[in-house]
C-alpha atoms as a PDB file:
ATOM      1  CA  UNK A   1      14.114  -4.501  19.910  1.00  0.00           C
ATOM      2  CA  UNK A   2      14.783  -7.069  17.223  1.00  0.00           C
ATOM      3  CA  UNK A   3      12.315  -6.726  14.341  1.00  0.00           C
ATOM      4  CA  UNK A   4      11.753  -8.893  11.287  1.00  0.00           C
ATOM      5  CA  UNK A   5      10.587  -6.961   8.212  1.00  0.00           C
ATOM      6  CA  UNK A   6       8.841  -9.016   5.535  1.00  0.00           C
ATOM      7  CA  UNK A   7       9.268  -7.224   2.206  1.00  0.00           C
ATOM      8  CA  UNK A   8      12.258  -5.360   3.580  1.00  0.00           C
ATOM      9  CA  UNK A   9      13.647  -4.411   0.154  1.00  0.00           C
ATOM     10  CA  UNK A  10      10.438  -2.892  -1.185  1.00  0.00           C
ATOM     11  CA  UNK A  11       9.859   0.844  -1.331  1.00  0.00           C
ATOM     12  CA  UNK A  12       8.226   1.097   2.095  1.00  0.00           C
ATOM     13  CA  UNK A  13       9.927  -1.901   3.670  1.00  0.00           C
ATOM     14  CA  UNK A  14      13.389  -0.525   2.952  1.00  0.00           C
ATOM     15  CA  UNK A  15      12.454   2.776   4.593  1.00  0.00           C
ATOM     16  CA  UNK A  16      11.136   0.864   7.625  1.00  0.00           C
ATOM     17  CA  UNK A  17      14.445  -1.029   7.873  1.00  0.00           C
ATOM     18  CA  UNK A  18      16.428   2.232   7.679  1.00  0.00           C
ATOM     19  CA  UNK A  19      14.251   3.952  10.277  1.00  0.00           C
ATOM     20  CA  UNK A  20      14.432   1.009  12.699  1.00  0.00           C
ATOM     21  CA  UNK A  21      18.210   0.865  12.460  1.00  0.00           C
ATOM     22  CA  UNK A  22      18.394   4.637  12.801  1.00  0.00           C
ATOM     23  CA  UNK A  23      16.595   4.338  16.139  1.00  0.00           C
ATOM     24  CA  UNK A  24      18.981   1.660  17.362  1.00  0.00           C
ATOM     25  CA  UNK A  25      16.898  -1.451  16.744  1.00  0.00           C
ATOM     26  CA  UNK A  26      18.161  -4.711  15.261  1.00  0.00           C
ATOM     27  CA  UNK A  27      16.521  -5.718  11.972  1.00  0.00           C
ATOM     28  CA  UNK A  28      16.208  -8.881   9.894  1.00  0.00           C
ATOM     29  CA  UNK A  29      15.124  -8.084   6.333  1.00  0.00           C
ATOM     30  CA  UNK A  30      13.241 -10.843   4.487  1.00  0.00           C
ATOM     31  CA  UNK A  31      12.441 -11.042   0.770  1.00  0.00           C
ATOM     32  CA  UNK A  32      11.659 -13.778  -1.739  1.00  0.00           C
ATOM     33  CA  UNK A  33      14.687 -13.010  -3.936  1.00  0.00           C
ATOM     34  CA  UNK A  34      18.297 -12.450  -2.958  1.00  0.00           C
ATOM     35  CA  UNK A  35      19.478  -8.891  -3.500  1.00  0.00           C
ATOM     36  CA  UNK A  36      21.512  -6.297  -1.577  1.00  0.00           C
ATOM     37  CA  UNK A  37      19.958  -5.619   1.816  1.00  0.00           C
ATOM     38  CA  UNK A  38      18.272  -9.026   2.174  1.00  0.00           C
ATOM     39  CA  UNK A  39      19.220 -10.919   5.345  1.00  0.00           C
ATOM     40  CA  UNK A  40      16.950 -13.927   4.793  1.00  0.00           C
ATOM     41  CA  UNK A  41      15.549 -15.245   1.504  1.00  0.00           C
ATOM     42  CA  UNK A  42      12.114 -16.829   1.879  1.00  0.00           C
ATOM     43  CA  UNK A  43       8.884 -16.828  -0.104  1.00  0.00           C
ATOM     44  CA  UNK A  44       6.626 -15.952   2.812  1.00  0.00           C
ATOM     45  CA  UNK A  45       3.503 -16.521   0.722  1.00  0.00           C
ATOM     46  CA  UNK A  46       4.444 -20.191   0.383  1.00  0.00           C
ATOM     47  CA  UNK A  47       6.138 -20.745   3.755  1.00  0.00           C
ATOM     48  CA  UNK A  48       4.607 -22.990   6.401  1.00  0.00           C
ATOM     49  CA  UNK A  49       3.982 -21.956   9.996  1.00  0.00           C
ATOM     50  CA  UNK A  50       6.929 -24.109  11.110  1.00  0.00           C
ATOM     51  CA  UNK A  51       9.258 -22.422   8.605  1.00  0.00           C
ATOM     52  CA  UNK A  52       8.034 -19.024   9.764  1.00  0.00           C
ATOM     53  CA  UNK A  53       8.562 -19.957  13.413  1.00  0.00           C
ATOM     54  CA  UNK A  54      12.213 -20.677  12.661  1.00  0.00           C
ATOM     55  CA  UNK A  55      12.485 -17.311  10.908  1.00  0.00           C
ATOM     56  CA  UNK A  56      10.765 -15.391  13.720  1.00  0.00           C
ATOM     57  CA  UNK A  57      12.514 -17.062  16.650  1.00  0.00           C
ATOM     58  CA  UNK A  58      14.346 -14.551  18.824  1.00  0.00           C
ATOM     59  CA  UNK A  59      12.539 -11.491  17.447  1.00  0.00           C
ATOM     60  CA  UNK A  60      10.365  -9.042  19.383  1.00  0.00           C
ATOM     61  CA  UNK A  61       8.189  -7.873  16.505  1.00  0.00           C
ATOM     62  CA  UNK A  62       7.344  -8.272  12.834  1.00  0.00           C
ATOM     63  CA  UNK A  63       6.355  -5.899  10.038  1.00  0.00           C
ATOM     64  CA  UNK A  64       4.415  -7.415   7.139  1.00  0.00           C
ATOM     65  CA  UNK A  65       4.977  -5.224   4.100  1.00  0.00           C
ATOM     66  CA  UNK A  66       4.370  -7.175   0.896  1.00  0.00           C
ATOM     67  CA  UNK A  67       1.683  -6.031  -1.537  1.00  0.00           C
ATOM     68  CA  UNK A  68      -0.679  -7.351  -4.190  1.00  0.00           C
ATOM     69  CA  UNK A  69      -1.651  -5.754  -7.486  1.00  0.00           C
ATOM     70  CA  UNK A  70      -5.284  -4.738  -7.049  1.00  0.00           C
ATOM     71  CA  UNK A  71      -5.557  -3.734 -10.720  1.00  0.00           C
ATOM     72  CA  UNK A  72      -4.418  -7.074 -12.162  1.00  0.00           C
ATOM     73  CA  UNK A  73      -7.116  -8.660 -14.340  1.00  0.00           C
ATOM     74  CA  UNK A  74      -7.723 -12.396 -13.838  1.00  0.00           C
ATOM     75  CA  UNK A  75     -10.413 -14.900 -14.606  1.00  0.00           C
ATOM     76  CA  UNK A  76     -13.254 -15.103 -12.092  1.00  0.00           C
ATOM     77  CA  UNK A  77     -13.345 -15.764  -9.225  1.00  0.00           C
ATOM     78  CA  UNK A  78     -10.426 -13.600  -8.100  1.00  0.00           C
ATOM     79  CA  UNK A  79     -11.148 -13.797  -4.366  1.00  0.00           C
ATOM     80  CA  UNK A  80      -9.274 -17.104  -3.792  1.00  0.00           C
ATOM     81  CA  UNK A  81      -6.227 -15.723  -5.625  1.00  0.00           C
ATOM     82  CA  UNK A  82      -6.128 -12.499  -3.614  1.00  0.00           C
ATOM     83  CA  UNK A  83      -6.730 -14.374  -0.358  1.00  0.00           C
ATOM     84  CA  UNK A  84      -3.680 -16.532  -1.103  1.00  0.00           C
ATOM     85  CA  UNK A  85      -1.599 -13.384  -1.635  1.00  0.00           C
ATOM     86  CA  UNK A  86      -3.027 -10.967   0.933  1.00  0.00           C
ATOM     87  CA  UNK A  87      -4.698 -12.907   3.750  1.00  0.00           C
ATOM     88  CA  UNK A  88      -3.335 -16.438   4.158  1.00  0.00           C
ATOM     89  CA  UNK A  89       0.375 -15.496   4.531  1.00  0.00           C
ATOM     90  CA  UNK A  90      -0.480 -12.912   7.187  1.00  0.00           C
ATOM     91  CA  UNK A  91      -2.450 -15.499   9.156  1.00  0.00           C
ATOM     92  CA  UNK A  92       0.514 -17.903   9.043  1.00  0.00           C
ATOM     93  CA  UNK A  93       3.030 -15.175   9.947  1.00  0.00           C
ATOM     94  CA  UNK A  94       1.095 -14.028  13.004  1.00  0.00           C
ATOM     95  CA  UNK A  95       0.263 -17.577  14.049  1.00  0.00           C
ATOM     96  CA  UNK A  96       4.001 -18.270  14.022  1.00  0.00           C
ATOM     97  CA  UNK A  97       4.707 -14.958  15.777  1.00  0.00           C
ATOM     98  CA  UNK A  98       2.263 -15.822  18.583  1.00  0.00           C
ATOM     99  CA  UNK A  99       3.860 -19.233  19.087  1.00  0.00           C
ATOM    100  CA  UNK A 100       7.318 -17.612  19.249  1.00  0.00           C
ATOM    101  CA  UNK A 101       6.216 -15.063  21.836  1.00  0.00           C
ATOM    102  CA  UNK A 102       6.553 -11.897  19.762  1.00  0.00           C
ATOM    103  CA  UNK A 103       5.015  -8.867  21.426  1.00  0.00           C
ATOM    104  CA  UNK A 104       4.201  -6.458  18.573  1.00  0.00           C
ATOM    105  CA  UNK A 105       3.404  -6.374  14.897  1.00  0.00           C
ATOM    106  CA  UNK A 106       2.546  -4.070  12.006  1.00  0.00           C
ATOM    107  CA  UNK A 107       0.673  -4.746   8.763  1.00  0.00           C
ATOM    108  CA  UNK A 108       1.093  -2.280   5.905  1.00  0.00           C
ATOM    109  CA  UNK A 109      -2.486  -2.058   4.667  1.00  0.00           C
ATOM    110  CA  UNK A 110      -4.689   0.162   2.520  1.00  0.00           C
ATOM    111  CA  UNK A 111      -6.692   3.317   3.142  1.00  0.00           C
ATOM    112  CA  UNK A 112      -9.688   1.616   1.562  1.00  0.00           C
ATOM    113  CA  UNK A 113     -10.296  -0.062   4.930  1.00  0.00           C
ATOM    114  CA  UNK A 114     -10.339   3.412   6.488  1.00  0.00           C
ATOM    115  CA  UNK A 115     -13.079   4.393   4.063  1.00  0.00           C
ATOM    116  CA  UNK A 116     -14.984   1.179   4.681  1.00  0.00           C
ATOM    117  CA  UNK A 117     -15.330   2.406   8.287  1.00  0.00           C
ATOM    118  CA  UNK A 118     -15.856   6.065   7.407  1.00  0.00           C
ATOM    119  CA  UNK A 119     -18.245   5.615   4.463  1.00  0.00           C
ATOM    120  CA  UNK A 120     -20.089   2.285   4.962  1.00  0.00           C
ATOM    121  CA  UNK A 121     -22.713   3.430   2.450  1.00  0.00           C
ATOM    122  CA  UNK A 122     -20.117   2.969  -0.297  1.00  0.00           C
ATOM    123  CA  UNK A 123     -20.128  -0.806   0.399  1.00  0.00           C
ATOM    124  CA  UNK A 124     -16.505  -1.054  -0.646  1.00  0.00           C
ATOM    125  CA  UNK A 125     -15.945  -4.555   0.710  1.00  0.00           C
ATOM    126  CA  UNK A 126     -19.053  -5.856  -1.085  1.00  0.00           C
ATOM    127  CA  UNK A 127     -18.136  -4.241  -4.399  1.00  0.00           C
ATOM    128  CA  UNK A 128     -14.357  -4.690  -4.473  1.00  0.00           C
ATOM    129  CA  UNK A 129     -12.608  -7.974  -3.717  1.00  0.00           C
ATOM    130  CA  UNK A 130      -9.354  -6.192  -2.890  1.00  0.00           C
ATOM    131  CA  UNK A 131     -11.004  -4.190  -0.095  1.00  0.00           C
ATOM    132  CA  UNK A 132     -12.703  -7.333   1.217  1.00  0.00           C
ATOM    133  CA  UNK A 133      -9.337  -9.086   1.366  1.00  0.00           C
ATOM    134  CA  UNK A 134      -7.686  -6.161   3.119  1.00  0.00           C
ATOM    135  CA  UNK A 135     -10.392  -6.293   5.800  1.00  0.00           C
ATOM    136  CA  UNK A 136      -9.927 -10.045   6.109  1.00  0.00           C
ATOM    137  CA  UNK A 137      -6.168  -9.537   6.326  1.00  0.00           C
ATOM    138  CA  UNK A 138      -6.527  -7.207   9.308  1.00  0.00           C
ATOM    139  CA  UNK A 139      -9.197  -9.162  11.189  1.00  0.00           C
ATOM    140  CA  UNK A 140      -7.798 -12.647  10.600  1.00  0.00           C
ATOM    141  CA  UNK A 141      -4.207 -11.541  11.166  1.00  0.00           C
ATOM    142  CA  UNK A 142      -5.157 -10.063  14.525  1.00  0.00           C
ATOM    143  CA  UNK A 143      -7.160 -13.149  15.439  1.00  0.00           C
ATOM    144  CA  UNK A 144      -4.135 -15.333  14.669  1.00  0.00           C
ATOM    145  CA  UNK A 145      -1.894 -13.080  16.753  1.00  0.00           C
ATOM    146  CA  UNK A 146      -4.103 -13.247  19.813  1.00  0.00           C
ATOM    147  CA  UNK A 147      -4.466 -10.748  22.624  1.00  0.00           C
ATOM    148  CA  UNK A 148      -0.820 -10.871  23.727  1.00  0.00           C
ATOM    149  CA  UNK A 149       0.480  -9.704  20.346  1.00  0.00           C
ATOM    150  CA  UNK A 150      -1.048  -6.351  19.361  1.00  0.00           C
ATOM    151  CA  UNK A 151      -1.022  -5.718  15.608  1.00  0.00           C
ATOM    152  CA  UNK A 152      -1.263  -2.208  14.177  1.00  0.00           C
ATOM    153  CA  UNK A 153      -2.633  -1.821  10.650  1.00  0.00           C
ATOM    154  CA  UNK A 154      -1.258   1.177   8.766  1.00  0.00           C
ATOM    155  CA  UNK A 155      -3.899   2.332   6.272  1.00  0.00           C
ATOM    156  CA  UNK A 156      -1.868   3.746   3.412  1.00  0.00           C
ATOM    157  CA  UNK A 157      -2.851   6.035   0.517  1.00  0.00           C
ATOM    158  CA  UNK A 158      -0.691   6.897  -2.507  1.00  0.00           C
ATOM    159  CA  UNK A 159       2.902   6.591  -1.263  1.00  0.00           C
ATOM    160  CA  UNK A 160       5.698   8.548  -2.943  1.00  0.00           C
ATOM    161  CA  UNK A 161       9.433   8.014  -2.705  1.00  0.00           C
ATOM    162  CA  UNK A 162      12.338   5.957  -3.972  1.00  0.00           C
ATOM    163  CA  UNK A 163      14.842   3.410  -2.695  1.00  0.00           C
ATOM    164  CA  UNK A 164      17.482   2.630  -5.295  1.00  0.00           C
ATOM    165  CA  UNK A 165      15.521   1.427  -8.320  1.00  0.00           C
ATOM    166  CA  UNK A 166      12.352   0.798  -6.279  1.00  0.00           C
ATOM    167  CA  UNK A 167       9.521   3.184  -7.108  1.00  0.00           C
ATOM    168  CA  UNK A 168       5.744   3.095  -6.635  1.00  0.00           C
ATOM    169  CA  UNK A 169       4.309   0.667  -9.193  1.00  0.00           C
ATOM    170  CA  UNK A 170       2.060   3.385 -10.658  1.00  0.00           C
ATOM    171  CA  UNK A 171       4.852   5.973 -11.031  1.00  0.00           C
ATOM    172  CA  UNK A 172       5.976   4.979 -14.541  1.00  0.00           C
ATOM    173  CA  UNK A 173       2.743   5.790 -16.426  1.00  0.00           C
ATOM    174  CA  UNK A 174       2.307   9.101 -14.591  1.00  0.00           C
ATOM    175  CA  UNK A 175       5.937  10.015 -15.260  1.00  0.00           C
ATOM    176  CA  UNK A 176       5.585   9.344 -18.993  1.00  0.00           C
ATOM    177  CA  UNK A 177       2.338  11.291 -19.177  1.00  0.00           C
ATOM    178  CA  UNK A 178       3.762  14.259 -17.274  1.00  0.00           C
ATOM    179  CA  UNK A 179       6.848  14.374 -19.531  1.00  0.00           C
ATOM    180  CA  UNK A 180       4.842  14.089 -22.748  1.00  0.00           C
ATOM    181  CA  UNK A 181       3.274  16.922 -24.719  1.00  0.00           C
ATOM    182  CA  UNK A 182      -0.186  15.449 -24.261  1.00  0.00           C
ATOM    183  CA  UNK A 183      -2.868  17.636 -22.690  1.00  0.00           C
ATOM    184  CA  UNK A 184      -3.685  16.823 -19.095  1.00  0.00           C
ATOM    185  CA  UNK A 185      -7.195  15.964 -17.939  1.00  0.00           C
ATOM    186  CA  UNK A 186      -8.229  14.857 -14.468  1.00  0.00           C
ATOM    187  CA  UNK A 187     -11.640  14.329 -12.849  1.00  0.00           C
ATOM    188  CA  UNK A 188     -12.942  15.891  -9.672  1.00  0.00           C
ATOM    189  CA  UNK A 189     -12.030  14.182  -6.443  1.00  0.00           C
ATOM    190  CA  UNK A 190      -8.651  13.462  -4.986  1.00  0.00           C
ATOM    191  CA  UNK A 191      -6.564  11.400  -2.643  1.00  0.00           C
ATOM    192  CA  UNK A 192      -4.490  11.450   0.480  1.00  0.00           C
ATOM    193  CA  UNK A 193      -0.776  10.991  -0.103  1.00  0.00           C
ATOM    194  CA  UNK A 194       2.249  10.184   2.046  1.00  0.00           C
ATOM    195  CA  UNK A 195       5.981   9.772   1.673  1.00  0.00           C
ATOM    196  CA  UNK A 196       7.577   6.389   2.241  1.00  0.00           C
ATOM    197  CA  UNK A 197       9.647   7.944   5.014  1.00  0.00           C
ATOM    198  CA  UNK A 198       6.506   9.131   6.847  1.00  0.00           C
ATOM    199  CA  UNK A 199       5.009   5.656   6.565  1.00  0.00           C
ATOM    200  CA  UNK A 200       8.212   4.185   7.985  1.00  0.00           C
ATOM    201  CA  UNK A 201       8.108   6.581  10.911  1.00  0.00           C
ATOM    202  CA  UNK A 202       4.502   5.624  11.645  1.00  0.00           C
ATOM    203  CA  UNK A 203       5.417   1.931  11.482  1.00  0.00           C
ATOM    204  CA  UNK A 204       8.329   2.287  13.885  1.00  0.00           C
ATOM    205  CA  UNK A 205       6.240   4.408  16.282  1.00  0.00           C
ATOM    206  CA  UNK A 206       3.572   1.673  16.273  1.00  0.00           C
ATOM    207  CA  UNK A 207       6.192  -0.979  17.052  1.00  0.00           C
ATOM    208  CA  UNK A 208       7.782   0.998  19.853  1.00  0.00           C
ATOM    209  CA  UNK A 209       4.359   1.676  21.387  1.00  0.00           C
ATOM    210  CA  UNK A 210       3.122  -1.906  20.779  1.00  0.00           C
ATOM    211  CA  UNK A 211       0.047  -0.348  19.198  1.00  0.00           C
ATOM    212  CA  UNK A 212      -2.822  -2.553  18.081  1.00  0.00           C
ATOM    213  CA  UNK A 213      -4.911   0.098  16.373  1.00  0.00           C
ATOM    214  CA  UNK A 214      -5.817   1.102  12.828  1.00  0.00           C
ATOM    215  CA  UNK A 215      -3.555   3.998  11.812  1.00  0.00           C
ATOM    216  CA  UNK A 216      -4.404   6.009   8.680  1.00  0.00           C
ATOM    217  CA  UNK A 217      -1.284   7.797   7.408  1.00  0.00           C
ATOM    218  CA  UNK A 218      -1.176  10.910   5.208  1.00  0.00           C
ATOM    219  CA  UNK A 219       1.117  13.907   4.780  1.00  0.00           C
ATOM    220  CA  UNK A 220      -1.114  15.912   2.419  1.00  0.00           C
ATOM    221  CA  UNK A 221      -4.533  15.726   0.826  1.00  0.00           C
ATOM    222  CA  UNK A 222      -4.492  16.525  -2.902  1.00  0.00           C
ATOM    223  CA  UNK A 223      -7.108  16.788  -5.589  1.00  0.00           C
ATOM    224  CA  UNK A 224      -6.283  14.676  -8.636  1.00  0.00           C
ATOM    225  CA  UNK A 225      -5.610  17.893 -10.562  1.00  0.00           C
ATOM    226  CA  UNK A 226      -3.226  19.156  -7.867  1.00  0.00           C
ATOM    227  CA  UNK A 227      -1.349  15.874  -7.812  1.00  0.00           C
ATOM    228  CA  UNK A 228      -0.736  15.627 -11.562  1.00  0.00           C
ATOM    229  CA  UNK A 229       0.091  19.354 -11.772  1.00  0.00           C
ATOM    230  CA  UNK A 230       2.762  18.973  -9.110  1.00  0.00           C
ATOM    231  CA  UNK A 231       4.216  15.963 -10.893  1.00  0.00           C
ATOM    232  CA  UNK A 232       4.333  17.938 -14.153  1.00  0.00           C
ATOM    233  CA  UNK A 233       6.124  20.769 -12.333  1.00  0.00           C
ATOM    234  CA  UNK A 234       8.701  18.368 -10.885  1.00  0.00           C
ATOM    235  CA  UNK A 235       9.548  16.873 -14.301  1.00  0.00           C
ATOM    236  CA  UNK A 236       9.842  20.341 -15.828  1.00  0.00           C
ATOM    237  CA  UNK A 237       6.715  20.206 -18.005  1.00  0.00           C
ATOM    238  CA  UNK A 238       4.231  22.457 -16.184  1.00  0.00           C
ATOM    239  CA  UNK A 239       0.920  23.018 -17.963  1.00  0.00           C
ATOM    240  CA  UNK A 240      -2.761  23.468 -17.161  1.00  0.00           C
ATOM    241  CA  UNK A 241      -4.778  20.502 -15.944  1.00  0.00           C
ATOM    242  CA  UNK A 242      -8.239  20.429 -17.503  1.00  0.00           C
ATOM    243  CA  UNK A 243     -11.397  19.045 -15.921  1.00  0.00           C
ATOM    244  CA  UNK A 244     -12.517  15.629 -17.113  1.00  0.00           C
ATOM    245  CA  UNK A 245     -16.341  15.444 -16.973  1.00  0.00           C
ATOM    246  CA  UNK A 246     -17.651  13.105 -14.298  1.00  0.00           C
ATOM    247  CA  UNK A 247     -20.115  11.655 -16.793  1.00  0.00           C
ATOM    248  CA  UNK A 248     -17.236  10.561 -19.026  1.00  0.00           C
ATOM    249  CA  UNK A 249     -15.483   8.912 -16.099  1.00  0.00           C
ATOM    250  CA  UNK A 250     -18.617   7.037 -15.079  1.00  0.00           C
ATOM    251  CA  UNK A 251     -19.364   5.870 -18.624  1.00  0.00           C
ATOM    252  CA  UNK A 252     -15.803   4.707 -19.220  1.00  0.00           C
ATOM    253  CA  UNK A 253     -15.594   2.755 -15.970  1.00  0.00           C
ATOM    254  CA  UNK A 254     -19.004   1.154 -16.472  1.00  0.00           C
ATOM    255  CA  UNK A 255     -18.002   0.098 -19.977  1.00  0.00           C
ATOM    256  CA  UNK A 256     -14.697  -1.331 -18.764  1.00  0.00           C
ATOM    257  CA  UNK A 257     -16.392  -3.245 -15.977  1.00  0.00           C
ATOM    258  CA  UNK A 258     -19.049  -4.588 -18.329  1.00  0.00           C
ATOM    259  CA  UNK A 259     -16.484  -5.809 -20.860  1.00  0.00           C
ATOM    260  CA  UNK A 260     -14.526  -7.594 -18.142  1.00  0.00           C
ATOM    261  CA  UNK A 261     -17.670  -9.254 -16.837  1.00  0.00           C
ATOM    262  CA  UNK A 262     -18.594 -10.461 -20.329  1.00  0.00           C
ATOM    263  CA  UNK A 263     -15.122 -11.957 -20.671  1.00  0.00           C
ATOM    264  CA  UNK A 264     -15.475 -13.724 -17.313  1.00  0.00           C
ATOM    265  CA  UNK A 265     -12.702 -11.637 -15.765  1.00  0.00           C
ATOM    266  CA  UNK A 266     -12.335  -9.262 -12.835  1.00  0.00           C
ATOM    267  CA  UNK A 267      -9.778  -7.281 -10.875  1.00  0.00           C
ATOM    268  CA  UNK A 268      -9.404  -6.456  -7.192  1.00  0.00           C
ATOM    269  CA  UNK A 269     -11.045  -3.079  -7.747  1.00  0.00           C
ATOM    270  CA  UNK A 270     -14.148  -3.431  -9.916  1.00  0.00           C
ATOM    271  CA  UNK A 271     -14.272  -0.567 -12.468  1.00  0.00           C
ATOM    272  CA  UNK A 272     -18.056  -0.828 -12.774  1.00  0.00           C
ATOM    273  CA  UNK A 273     -18.364   0.231  -9.107  1.00  0.00           C
ATOM    274  CA  UNK A 274     -15.352   2.529  -8.886  1.00  0.00           C
ATOM    275  CA  UNK A 275     -16.662   5.865 -10.189  1.00  0.00           C
ATOM    276  CA  UNK A 276     -18.188   7.064  -6.907  1.00  0.00           C
ATOM    277  CA  UNK A 277     -14.900   6.374  -5.141  1.00  0.00           C
ATOM    278  CA  UNK A 278     -12.663   7.886  -7.815  1.00  0.00           C
ATOM    279  CA  UNK A 279     -14.754  11.067  -7.975  1.00  0.00           C
ATOM    280  CA  UNK A 280     -14.777  11.519  -4.188  1.00  0.00           C
ATOM    281  CA  UNK A 281     -12.179  13.240  -2.045  1.00  0.00           C
ATOM    282  CA  UNK A 282     -10.361  10.291  -0.477  1.00  0.00           C
ATOM    283  CA  UNK A 283      -8.808  12.479   2.167  1.00  0.00           C
ATOM    284  CA  UNK A 284      -7.446  11.493   5.573  1.00  0.00           C
ATOM    285  CA  UNK A 285      -7.666  13.684   8.653  1.00  0.00           C
ATOM    286  CA  UNK A 286      -5.528  14.623  10.389  1.00  0.00           C
ATOM    287  CA  UNK A 287      -2.490  14.805   8.117  1.00  0.00           C
ATOM    288  CA  UNK A 288       1.067  14.956   9.429  1.00  0.00           C
ATOM    289  CA  UNK A 289       1.601  18.378   7.858  1.00  0.00           C
ATOM    290  CA  UNK A 290       4.949  17.299   6.386  1.00  0.00           C
ATOM    291  CA  UNK A 291       5.600  18.524   2.863  1.00  0.00           C
ATOM    292  CA  UNK A 292       5.269  15.887   0.177  1.00  0.00           C
ATOM    293  CA  UNK A 293       7.612  17.803  -2.126  1.00  0.00           C
ATOM    294  CA  UNK A 294      10.863  15.925  -1.316  1.00  0.00           C
ATOM    295  CA  UNK A 295       9.175  12.560  -1.963  1.00  0.00           C
ATOM    296  CA  UNK A 296       7.649  13.853  -5.207  1.00  0.00           C
ATOM    297  CA  UNK A 297      11.095  14.893  -6.382  1.00  0.00           C
ATOM    298  CA  UNK A 298      12.590  11.539  -5.380  1.00  0.00           C
ATOM    299  CA  UNK A 299       9.909   9.767  -7.375  1.00  0.00           C
ATOM    300  CA  UNK A 300       9.833  11.864 -10.538  1.00  0.00           C
ATOM    301  CA  UNK A 301      12.806  14.207 -10.837  1.00  0.00           C
ATOM    302  CA  UNK A 302      15.238  11.706 -12.366  1.00  0.00           C
ATOM    303  CA  UNK A 303      15.272  11.545 -16.148  1.00  0.00           C
ATOM    304  CA  UNK A 304      13.713   8.457 -17.766  1.00  0.00           C
ATOM    305  CA  UNK A 305      17.177   7.227 -18.790  1.00  0.00           C
ATOM    306  CA  UNK A 306      18.071   6.962 -15.088  1.00  0.00           C
ATOM    307  CA  UNK A 307      15.247   4.487 -14.450  1.00  0.00           C
END
């Protein structure tokens, strides 16, 4: 197969490119800035359907792997901004892919859509614009693709790993905290986690099978305390992780959400409605069973001067 990977130099995208080539497929890597490993330079978020058709011509499939910062704080309303970043480019890409006769596609999504199905009582899409946009991304992207172009949506949790200087965007603060002498406090609850290499394998499997399903991906399920303790171990600063009272978490998030609202601002995940999610076990079943340890070490073992 010949596959175009949008965001092919990002943490996950680069792993997808490597895995595709390792299985004998031809790959075109696309990014908005020229750097090693980029085959085509194009700002997909701004590209027209006609420009995307030229890019996609001759390919069998496409992987859409760019991301948006769900924690970024902007003036209200944030929904149009996130739609422009998350939804509209996907609709144009898969419209172009349908016109060019592609036969398979993958969107790298979020595990919040998994929980929107699993826990509808949480009303995630109503309370968090980012989750709403991820749902719109999946449904509208598939509608644009049509029935002849199945699109799999990988629902991704915390993803660990490294490609060159590319790390998860949240890794820096956790690394500095783990290396510091500060005491460690974490609330109850936890998250699923996966390595970038496991995500890449799931993406390539979906392409080879022309899957059109929702695919939650996780290697391990970790409590928040387990996750930060393992990071502290990797950086050589092991220490106890204390319990942060749930009441303190709720009060802090409500205060943060209230202050943003008063300032006329919001983010993709609304802190005022986030406590129930943060304090829950955001676990995925089944997990792959692969150890997360190699990806943890890739992410955190290097000294800060190497970053």
